Amino acid sequence: MTPIRLTQLLHAGQFLLQALLMAGLVLWTGRGLGKAGPAPSLGPYVVLTGLLVVLVGSSLYALSRYLRPDLRRPIRENRRVYRCRQLLHNSLLGLLSLPPLLLYQLSAEALHLFYFGLLCASLAALSWPTHSRYQRWLLS
């Protein structure tokens, strides 16, 4: 298996696993909202989720900026650093698909769930690792 194929396989698997975990967790916790009684106040939870996404996203972004190529390193090490950077980048992009999923939990409209799936698929396609992107990163 060529190294770029392995990177592409890891990329697709990460996006799929992250989407399934986020959807499963949100849908599993959303079942408690349909109980009888007054609707819970979601304001503090939305603010907390927004702050958490900003905090985690900024730390992932800062960490990925430190993963730089070095032409004096062996090729395998540079590939490993590229895969680690790609993993962090994909985790940050995966957080962008969280708001439509939370909207689905609140409204139970299938359009939000469809938008979540479409957003995950388009983010995975837009950030698909190629050999030319790897070379561009290596020379940066």
C-alpha atoms as a PDB file:
ATOM      1  CA  MET A   1       0.000   0.000   0.000  1.00  0.00           C
ATOM      2  CA  THR A   2       1.417   3.369  -0.979  1.00  0.00           C
ATOM      3  CA  PRO A   3       1.844   5.940   1.788  1.00  0.00           C
ATOM      4  CA  ILE A   4      -0.682   8.375   0.309  1.00  0.00           C
ATOM      5  CA  ARG A   5      -3.277   5.589   0.045  1.00  0.00           C
ATOM      6  CA  LEU A   6      -2.796   4.820   3.718  1.00  0.00           C
ATOM      7  CA  THR A   7      -3.221   8.514   4.535  1.00  0.00           C
ATOM      8  CA  GLN A   8      -6.402   8.645   2.437  1.00  0.00           C
ATOM      9  CA  LEU A   9      -7.753   5.534   4.140  1.00  0.00           C
ATOM     10  CA  LEU A  10      -7.068   7.020   7.576  1.00  0.00           C
ATOM     11  CA  HIS A  11      -8.698  10.282   6.461  1.00  0.00           C
ATOM     12  CA  ALA A  12     -11.906   8.596   5.342  1.00  0.00           C
ATOM     13  CA  GLY A  13     -12.026   6.392   8.423  1.00  0.00           C
ATOM     14  CA  GLN A  14     -11.528   9.323  10.766  1.00  0.00           C
ATOM     15  CA  PHE A  15     -14.311  11.389   9.207  1.00  0.00           C
ATOM     16  CA  LEU A  16     -16.684   8.433   9.235  1.00  0.00           C
ATOM     17  CA  LEU A  17     -15.879   7.488  12.831  1.00  0.00           C
ATOM     18  CA  GLN A  18     -16.092  11.079  14.057  1.00  0.00           C
ATOM     19  CA  ALA A  19     -19.444  11.638  12.336  1.00  0.00           C
ATOM     20  CA  LEU A  20     -20.863   8.394  13.737  1.00  0.00           C
ATOM     21  CA  LEU A  21     -19.655   9.177  17.253  1.00  0.00           C
ATOM     22  CA  MET A  22     -21.035  12.726  17.203  1.00  0.00           C
ATOM     23  CA  ALA A  23     -24.365  11.637  15.740  1.00  0.00           C
ATOM     24  CA  GLY A  24     -24.672   8.705  18.119  1.00  0.00           C
ATOM     25  CA  LEU A  25     -23.887  10.790  21.178  1.00  0.00           C
ATOM     26  CA  VAL A  26     -26.213  13.650  20.235  1.00  0.00           C
ATOM     27  CA  LEU A  27     -29.069  11.351  19.249  1.00  0.00           C
ATOM     28  CA  TRP A  28     -28.620   9.220  22.374  1.00  0.00           C
ATOM     29  CA  THR A  29     -28.693  12.235  24.704  1.00  0.00           C
ATOM     30  CA  GLY A  30     -31.552  13.841  22.780  1.00  0.00           C
ATOM     31  CA  ARG A  31     -34.048  11.145  23.751  1.00  0.00           C
ATOM     32  CA  GLY A  32     -34.471  12.639  27.193  1.00  0.00           C
ATOM     33  CA  LEU A  33     -35.775  15.923  25.753  1.00  0.00           C
ATOM     34  CA  GLY A  34     -39.020  14.385  24.525  1.00  0.00           C
ATOM     35  CA  LYS A  35     -40.308  13.625  28.028  1.00  0.00           C
ATOM     36  CA  ALA A  36     -43.463  15.223  29.314  1.00  0.00           C
ATOM     37  CA  GLY A  37     -43.166  18.368  31.378  1.00  0.00           C
ATOM     38  CA  PRO A  38     -41.732  21.798  30.824  1.00  0.00           C
ATOM     39  CA  ALA A  39     -39.020  22.174  28.212  1.00  0.00           C
ATOM     40  CA  PRO A  40     -35.557  22.546  29.709  1.00  0.00           C
ATOM     41  CA  SER A  41     -33.688  25.816  29.294  1.00  0.00           C
ATOM     42  CA  LEU A  42     -31.055  25.170  26.662  1.00  0.00           C
ATOM     43  CA  GLY A  43     -29.436  28.611  26.729  1.00  0.00           C
ATOM     44  CA  PRO A  44     -26.582  27.763  29.104  1.00  0.00           C
ATOM     45  CA  TYR A  45     -25.887  24.507  27.282  1.00  0.00           C
ATOM     46  CA  VAL A  46     -25.682  26.238  23.907  1.00  0.00           C
ATOM     47  CA  VAL A  47     -23.270  28.847  25.285  1.00  0.00           C
ATOM     48  CA  LEU A  48     -21.195  26.140  26.977  1.00  0.00           C
ATOM     49  CA  THR A  49     -21.083  24.088  23.773  1.00  0.00           C
ATOM     50  CA  GLY A  50     -20.047  27.146  21.762  1.00  0.00           C
ATOM     51  CA  LEU A  51     -17.248  27.968  24.199  1.00  0.00           C
ATOM     52  CA  LEU A  52     -16.114  24.359  24.206  1.00  0.00           C
ATOM     53  CA  VAL A  53     -15.989  24.244  20.403  1.00  0.00           C
ATOM     54  CA  VAL A  54     -13.979  27.487  20.303  1.00  0.00           C
ATOM     55  CA  LEU A  55     -11.587  26.286  23.007  1.00  0.00           C
ATOM     56  CA  VAL A  56     -11.002  22.854  21.511  1.00  0.00           C
ATOM     57  CA  GLY A  57     -10.829  24.241  17.970  1.00  0.00           C
ATOM     58  CA  SER A  58      -8.284  26.907  18.825  1.00  0.00           C
ATOM     59  CA  SER A  59      -6.079  24.478  20.723  1.00  0.00           C
ATOM     60  CA  LEU A  60      -6.217  21.955  17.859  1.00  0.00           C
ATOM     61  CA  TYR A  61      -5.355  24.705  15.388  1.00  0.00           C
ATOM     62  CA  ALA A  62      -2.444  25.951  17.508  1.00  0.00           C
ATOM     63  CA  LEU A  63      -1.119  22.425  17.915  1.00  0.00           C
ATOM     64  CA  SER A  64      -1.368  21.693  14.194  1.00  0.00           C
ATOM     65  CA  ARG A  65       0.650  24.828  13.383  1.00  0.00           C
ATOM     66  CA  TYR A  66       3.614  23.383  15.308  1.00  0.00           C
ATOM     67  CA  LEU A  67       3.673  20.231  13.200  1.00  0.00           C
ATOM     68  CA  ARG A  68       5.982  21.457  10.456  1.00  0.00           C
ATOM     69  CA  PRO A  69       8.005  19.512   7.918  1.00  0.00           C
ATOM     70  CA  ASP A  70      11.757  19.229   8.130  1.00  0.00           C
ATOM     71  CA  LEU A  71      13.673  18.119   5.056  1.00  0.00           C
ATOM     72  CA  ARG A  72      16.502  16.798   7.240  1.00  0.00           C
ATOM     73  CA  ARG A  73      14.147  14.249   8.800  1.00  0.00           C
ATOM     74  CA  PRO A  74      13.711  10.822   7.278  1.00  0.00           C
ATOM     75  CA  ILE A  75      10.819  10.472   4.850  1.00  0.00           C
ATOM     76  CA  ARG A  76       8.879   8.211   7.209  1.00  0.00           C
ATOM     77  CA  GLU A  77       9.024  10.777   9.993  1.00  0.00           C
ATOM     78  CA  ASN A  78       7.732  13.540   7.727  1.00  0.00           C
ATOM     79  CA  ARG A  79       4.863  11.295   6.647  1.00  0.00           C
ATOM     80  CA  ARG A  80       4.033  10.563  10.270  1.00  0.00           C
ATOM     81  CA  VAL A  81       4.039  14.280  11.101  1.00  0.00           C
ATOM     82  CA  TYR A  82       1.830  14.949   8.051  1.00  0.00           C
ATOM     83  CA  ARG A  83      -0.647  12.291   9.176  1.00  0.00           C
ATOM     84  CA  CYS A  84      -0.730  13.738  12.696  1.00  0.00           C
ATOM     85  CA  ARG A  85      -1.341  17.199  11.294  1.00  0.00           C
ATOM     86  CA  GLN A  86      -4.060  15.820   9.025  1.00  0.00           C
ATOM     87  CA  LEU A  87      -5.691  14.083  12.002  1.00  0.00           C
ATOM     88  CA  LEU A  88      -5.808  17.330  13.984  1.00  0.00           C
ATOM     89  CA  HIS A  89      -7.039  19.277  10.966  1.00  0.00           C
ATOM     90  CA  ASN A  90      -9.830  16.781  10.369  1.00  0.00           C
ATOM     91  CA  SER A  91     -10.849  16.913  14.024  1.00  0.00           C
ATOM     92  CA  LEU A  92     -11.136  20.677  13.783  1.00  0.00           C
ATOM     93  CA  LEU A  93     -13.172  20.443  10.585  1.00  0.00           C
ATOM     94  CA  GLY A  94     -15.409  17.808  12.138  1.00  0.00           C
ATOM     95  CA  LEU A  95     -16.425  20.269  14.839  1.00  0.00           C
ATOM     96  CA  LEU A  96     -17.951  22.478  12.138  1.00  0.00           C
ATOM     97  CA  SER A  97     -20.624  19.884  11.494  1.00  0.00           C
ATOM     98  CA  LEU A  98     -21.804  19.886  15.103  1.00  0.00           C
ATOM     99  CA  PRO A  99     -24.311  22.816  14.888  1.00  0.00           C
ATOM    100  CA  PRO A 100     -26.653  21.150  12.341  1.00  0.00           C
ATOM    101  CA  LEU A 101     -26.651  18.041  14.495  1.00  0.00           C
ATOM    102  CA  LEU A 102     -27.598  20.049  17.572  1.00  0.00           C
ATOM    103  CA  LEU A 103     -30.320  21.779  15.545  1.00  0.00           C
ATOM    104  CA  TYR A 104     -31.668  18.347  14.623  1.00  0.00           C
ATOM    105  CA  GLN A 105     -31.763  17.413  18.285  1.00  0.00           C
ATOM    106  CA  LEU A 106     -33.795  20.528  19.091  1.00  0.00           C
ATOM    107  CA  SER A 107     -36.183  20.534  16.131  1.00  0.00           C
ATOM    108  CA  ALA A 108     -36.293  16.852  15.052  1.00  0.00           C
ATOM    109  CA  GLU A 109     -36.411  17.903  11.369  1.00  0.00           C
ATOM    110  CA  ALA A 110     -34.769  15.460   9.011  1.00  0.00           C
ATOM    111  CA  LEU A 111     -33.401  18.345   6.925  1.00  0.00           C
ATOM    112  CA  HIS A 112     -30.897  19.179   9.691  1.00  0.00           C
ATOM    113  CA  LEU A 113     -29.723  15.574   9.830  1.00  0.00           C
ATOM    114  CA  PHE A 114     -29.346  15.537   6.041  1.00  0.00           C
ATOM    115  CA  TYR A 115     -27.384  18.796   6.213  1.00  0.00           C
ATOM    116  CA  PHE A 116     -25.106  17.251   8.870  1.00  0.00           C
ATOM    117  CA  GLY A 117     -24.338  14.286   6.592  1.00  0.00           C
ATOM    118  CA  LEU A 118     -23.832  16.510   3.565  1.00  0.00           C
ATOM    119  CA  LEU A 119     -21.529  18.819   5.511  1.00  0.00           C
ATOM    120  CA  CYS A 120     -19.431  15.916   6.803  1.00  0.00           C
ATOM    121  CA  ALA A 121     -19.107  14.434   3.325  1.00  0.00           C
ATOM    122  CA  SER A 122     -18.214  17.754   1.704  1.00  0.00           C
ATOM    123  CA  LEU A 123     -15.609  18.575   4.369  1.00  0.00           C
ATOM    124  CA  ALA A 124     -14.039  15.156   3.870  1.00  0.00           C
ATOM    125  CA  ALA A 125     -13.969  15.669   0.096  1.00  0.00           C
ATOM    126  CA  LEU A 126     -12.544  19.182   0.308  1.00  0.00           C
ATOM    127  CA  SER A 127      -9.723  18.145   2.622  1.00  0.00           C
ATOM    128  CA  TRP A 128      -8.926  14.894   0.805  1.00  0.00           C
ATOM    129  CA  PRO A 129      -5.135  14.262   1.055  1.00  0.00           C
ATOM    130  CA  THR A 130      -3.317  14.011  -2.259  1.00  0.00           C
ATOM    131  CA  HIS A 131       0.292  13.591  -3.204  1.00  0.00           C
ATOM    132  CA  SER A 132       0.511  17.171  -4.459  1.00  0.00           C
ATOM    133  CA  ARG A 133      -0.876  18.521  -1.157  1.00  0.00           C
ATOM    134  CA  TYR A 134       1.676  16.472   0.724  1.00  0.00           C
ATOM    135  CA  GLN A 135       4.481  17.846  -1.450  1.00  0.00           C
ATOM    136  CA  ARG A 136       3.197  21.396  -1.018  1.00  0.00           C
ATOM    137  CA  TRP A 137       3.148  20.907   2.756  1.00  0.00           C
ATOM    138  CA  LEU A 138       6.645  19.392   2.652  1.00  0.00           C
ATOM    139  CA  LEU A 139       8.047  22.383   0.800  1.00  0.00           C
ATOM    140  CA  SER A 140       6.291  24.973   2.955  1.00  0.00           C
END
